[in-house]
Amino acid sequence: MKLSELAVGASAVVRDFPKTGTTFLRLREMGLLNGTRVTLIRTAPLGDPIEIKLRGYHLTLRKSEAEHVLVDPA
């Protein structure tokens, strides 16, 4: 399942995401790694961007970025 498909309030565990690209390098530096538990907090009124909670802080992602992150529902 893609992170962008997660329902508001639902939690999941990161399974995989692209290993290349500056955007995904930055996400890894911020703690979005395989095995990390994330919770979708909310989405903007038009669905983009989305806000997730991981490792005790909130992170906002574009929906186009979240579509590349694969998760397993928790």
C-alpha atoms as a PDB file:
ATOM      1  CA  MET A   1       0.000   0.000   0.000  1.00  0.00           C
ATOM      2  CA  LYS A   2       1.218   3.523  -0.726  1.00  0.00           C
ATOM      3  CA  LEU A   3       1.572   6.081   2.060  1.00  0.00           C
ATOM      4  CA  SER A   4      -0.634   8.423   0.015  1.00  0.00           C
ATOM      5  CA  GLU A   5      -3.497   5.864   0.266  1.00  0.00           C
ATOM      6  CA  LEU A   6      -3.458   5.665   4.081  1.00  0.00           C
ATOM      7  CA  ALA A   7      -6.625   6.838   5.837  1.00  0.00           C
ATOM      8  CA  VAL A   8      -6.509   9.785   8.248  1.00  0.00           C
ATOM      9  CA  GLY A   9      -5.688   8.510  11.742  1.00  0.00           C
ATOM     10  CA  ALA A  10      -4.358   5.178  10.486  1.00  0.00           C
ATOM     11  CA  SER A  11      -0.883   3.912  11.306  1.00  0.00           C
ATOM     12  CA  ALA A  12       1.511   1.951   9.159  1.00  0.00           C
ATOM     13  CA  VAL A  13       5.103   0.743   9.047  1.00  0.00           C
ATOM     14  CA  VAL A  14       7.388   1.884   6.229  1.00  0.00           C
ATOM     15  CA  ARG A  15       8.312  -1.061   4.024  1.00  0.00           C
ATOM     16  CA  ASP A  16      10.193   0.528   1.124  1.00  0.00           C
ATOM     17  CA  PHE A  17      10.875   3.787  -0.729  1.00  0.00           C
ATOM     18  CA  PRO A  18      13.216   4.956  -3.484  1.00  0.00           C
ATOM     19  CA  LYS A  19      16.896   4.919  -2.599  1.00  0.00           C
ATOM     20  CA  THR A  20      17.843   7.669  -5.050  1.00  0.00           C
ATOM     21  CA  GLY A  21      16.961  11.328  -5.432  1.00  0.00           C
ATOM     22  CA  THR A  22      17.585  14.320  -3.215  1.00  0.00           C
ATOM     23  CA  THR A  23      14.032  14.301  -1.845  1.00  0.00           C
ATOM     24  CA  PHE A  24      14.296  10.753  -0.575  1.00  0.00           C
ATOM     25  CA  LEU A  25      17.804  11.316   0.780  1.00  0.00           C
ATOM     26  CA  ARG A  26      16.366  14.183   2.830  1.00  0.00           C
ATOM     27  CA  LEU A  27      13.480  11.982   4.069  1.00  0.00           C
ATOM     28  CA  ARG A  28      15.962   9.340   5.240  1.00  0.00           C
ATOM     29  CA  GLU A  29      17.957  12.027   7.052  1.00  0.00           C
ATOM     30  CA  MET A  30      14.741  13.043   8.854  1.00  0.00           C
ATOM     31  CA  GLY A  31      14.162   9.472  10.070  1.00  0.00           C
ATOM     32  CA  LEU A  32      11.828   7.981   7.465  1.00  0.00           C
ATOM     33  CA  LEU A  33      13.477   4.562   7.275  1.00  0.00           C
ATOM     34  CA  ASN A  34      12.313   0.992   6.691  1.00  0.00           C
ATOM     35  CA  GLY A  35      10.535  -0.225   9.817  1.00  0.00           C
ATOM     36  CA  THR A  36       9.531   3.269  10.978  1.00  0.00           C
ATOM     37  CA  ARG A  37       5.961   3.564  12.284  1.00  0.00           C
ATOM     38  CA  VAL A  38       4.041   6.511  10.819  1.00  0.00           C
ATOM     39  CA  THR A  39       0.542   7.872  11.444  1.00  0.00           C
ATOM     40  CA  LEU A  40      -1.372   9.993   8.961  1.00  0.00           C
ATOM     41  CA  ILE A  41      -2.504  13.034  10.950  1.00  0.00           C
ATOM     42  CA  ARG A  42      -4.364  15.017   8.302  1.00  0.00           C
ATOM     43  CA  THR A  43      -4.531  16.055   4.673  1.00  0.00           C
ATOM     44  CA  ALA A  44      -4.983  19.492   3.190  1.00  0.00           C
ATOM     45  CA  PRO A  45      -8.507  20.336   1.960  1.00  0.00           C
ATOM     46  CA  LEU A  46      -7.655  19.359  -1.622  1.00  0.00           C
ATOM     47  CA  GLY A  47      -5.680  16.283  -0.495  1.00  0.00           C
ATOM     48  CA  ASP A  48      -2.188  17.689  -0.988  1.00  0.00           C
ATOM     49  CA  PRO A  49       0.028  17.917   1.080  1.00  0.00           C
ATOM     50  CA  ILE A  50      -0.349  15.317   3.832  1.00  0.00           C
ATOM     51  CA  GLU A  51       0.910  15.490   7.413  1.00  0.00           C
ATOM     52  CA  ILE A  52       2.382  12.403   9.066  1.00  0.00           C
ATOM     53  CA  LYS A  53       3.737  11.778  12.540  1.00  0.00           C
ATOM     54  CA  LEU A  54       6.906   9.765  12.969  1.00  0.00           C
ATOM     55  CA  ARG A  55       9.492   9.466  15.733  1.00  0.00           C
ATOM     56  CA  GLY A  56       7.665  12.063  17.849  1.00  0.00           C
ATOM     57  CA  TYR A  57       7.395  14.888  15.316  1.00  0.00           C
ATOM     58  CA  HIS A  58       5.149  15.955  12.448  1.00  0.00           C
ATOM     59  CA  LEU A  59       6.310  15.986   8.832  1.00  0.00           C
ATOM     60  CA  THR A  60       4.488  17.334   5.797  1.00  0.00           C
ATOM     61  CA  LEU A  61       4.916  15.589   2.443  1.00  0.00           C
ATOM     62  CA  ARG A  62       3.634  16.237  -1.028  1.00  0.00           C
ATOM     63  CA  LYS A  63       1.218  13.572  -2.173  1.00  0.00           C
ATOM     64  CA  SER A  64       3.495  12.878  -5.170  1.00  0.00           C
ATOM     65  CA  GLU A  65       6.325  12.047  -2.724  1.00  0.00           C
ATOM     66  CA  ALA A  66       4.089   9.907  -0.512  1.00  0.00           C
ATOM     67  CA  GLU A  67       3.069   7.802  -3.526  1.00  0.00           C
ATOM     68  CA  HIS A  68       6.619   6.438  -3.724  1.00  0.00           C
ATOM     69  CA  VAL A  69       6.684   5.312  -0.077  1.00  0.00           C
ATOM     70  CA  LEU A  70       5.309   1.789   0.455  1.00  0.00           C
ATOM     71  CA  VAL A  71       3.855   0.890   3.846  1.00  0.00           C
ATOM     72  CA  ASP A  72       2.251  -2.053   5.629  1.00  0.00           C
ATOM     73  CA  PRO A  73      -0.852  -1.155   7.691  1.00  0.00           C
ATOM     74  CA  ALA A  74      -0.214  -1.555  11.433  1.00  0.00           C
END
